[in-house]
Amino acid sequence: MTLHGVLPYIQIVLAALLIACVLLQQTGASLGGAFGGDNFSAAYHTRRGTEKYLFYATSIIGILFALSAFAALILQ
């Protein structure tokens, strides 16, 4: 098996992990903040404990997914 054969499976796993990490993150933003409303309390939120590690995991998995997508583009 080459990287070209395994890469789609790696992307599927990374995509599922990325979706799970994004959905597990808790946010204090209300619906008004999503549409440009005033939500100053969410801007000054300090991540602690599990929330911080989940944020880091989301960032790392997102970077790995982007790199795997770039590798798939190069290997075509």
Protein backbone atom coordinates (compact mmCIF):
# COMPACT_ATOMS: atom_id res chain seq x y z
CA MET A 1 0.00 0.00 0.00
CA THR A 2 1.26 3.39 -0.92
CA LEU A 3 0.44 6.77 0.51
CA HIS A 4 -1.81 7.39 -2.48
CA GLY A 5 -3.95 4.38 -1.49
CA VAL A 6 -4.09 5.13 2.24
CA LEU A 7 -4.58 8.90 2.03
CA PRO A 8 -8.38 8.85 1.47
CA TYR A 9 -8.85 6.76 4.63
CA ILE A 10 -6.62 9.12 6.59
CA GLN A 11 -8.69 12.07 5.38
CA ILE A 12 -11.95 10.38 6.38
CA VAL A 13 -10.66 9.71 9.91
CA LEU A 14 -9.28 13.25 10.25
CA ALA A 15 -12.55 14.75 8.97
CA ALA A 16 -14.59 12.74 11.48
CA LEU A 17 -12.25 13.74 14.33
CA LEU A 18 -12.35 17.39 13.27
CA ILE A 19 -16.15 17.40 13.18
CA ALA A 20 -16.29 15.76 16.61
CA CYS A 21 -13.83 18.26 18.12
CA VAL A 22 -15.71 21.24 16.72
CA LEU A 23 -19.06 19.95 17.95
CA LEU A 24 -17.72 19.17 21.44
CA GLN A 25 -16.44 22.68 22.01
CA GLN A 26 -18.58 24.74 24.31
CA THR A 27 -19.08 28.37 23.54
CA GLY A 28 -20.59 31.19 25.54
CA ALA A 29 -21.67 33.04 22.40
CA SER A 30 -25.36 33.54 21.99
CA LEU A 31 -27.22 33.47 18.69
CA GLY A 32 -27.02 37.27 18.50
CA GLY A 33 -23.23 37.08 18.47
CA ALA A 34 -23.31 34.91 15.36
CA PHE A 35 -25.10 37.67 13.44
CA GLY A 36 -22.89 40.54 14.55
CA GLY A 37 -24.64 41.49 17.76
CA ASP A 38 -22.82 42.76 20.81
CA ASN A 39 -21.22 39.88 22.63
CA PHE A 40 -18.24 41.31 24.48
CA SER A 41 -18.24 38.67 27.20
CA ALA A 42 -17.27 35.88 24.76
CA ALA A 43 -14.23 37.79 23.48
CA TYR A 44 -12.47 37.73 26.85
CA HIS A 45 -12.92 34.08 27.69
CA THR A 46 -9.95 32.11 29.03
CA ARG A 47 -9.88 28.44 28.11
CA ARG A 48 -9.03 26.12 31.00
CA GLY A 49 -8.62 22.41 31.50
CA THR A 50 -10.29 20.12 29.01
CA GLU A 51 -11.59 23.01 26.95
CA LYS A 52 -8.02 24.19 26.31
CA TYR A 53 -6.83 20.73 25.24
CA LEU A 54 -9.87 20.29 23.00
CA PHE A 55 -9.09 23.66 21.38
CA TYR A 56 -5.48 22.59 20.76
CA ALA A 57 -6.61 19.22 19.40
CA THR A 58 -9.02 20.95 17.02
CA SER A 59 -6.23 23.19 15.74
CA ILE A 60 -3.80 20.31 15.26
CA ILE A 61 -6.35 18.07 13.55
CA GLY A 62 -7.38 20.96 11.28
CA ILE A 63 -3.76 21.52 10.26
CA LEU A 64 -3.25 17.79 9.65
CA PHE A 65 -6.42 17.67 7.55
CA ALA A 66 -5.27 20.64 5.47
CA LEU A 67 -1.85 19.03 4.96
CA SER A 68 -3.43 15.73 3.92
CA ALA A 69 -5.68 17.56 1.45
CA PHE A 70 -2.63 19.35 0.04
CA ALA A 71 -0.77 16.04 -0.22
CA ALA A 72 -3.71 14.49 -2.06
CA LEU A 73 -3.67 17.40 -4.49
CA ILE A 74 0.05 17.02 -5.11
CA LEU A 75 -0.09 13.22 -5.55
CA GLN A 76 -2.88 13.25 -8.15
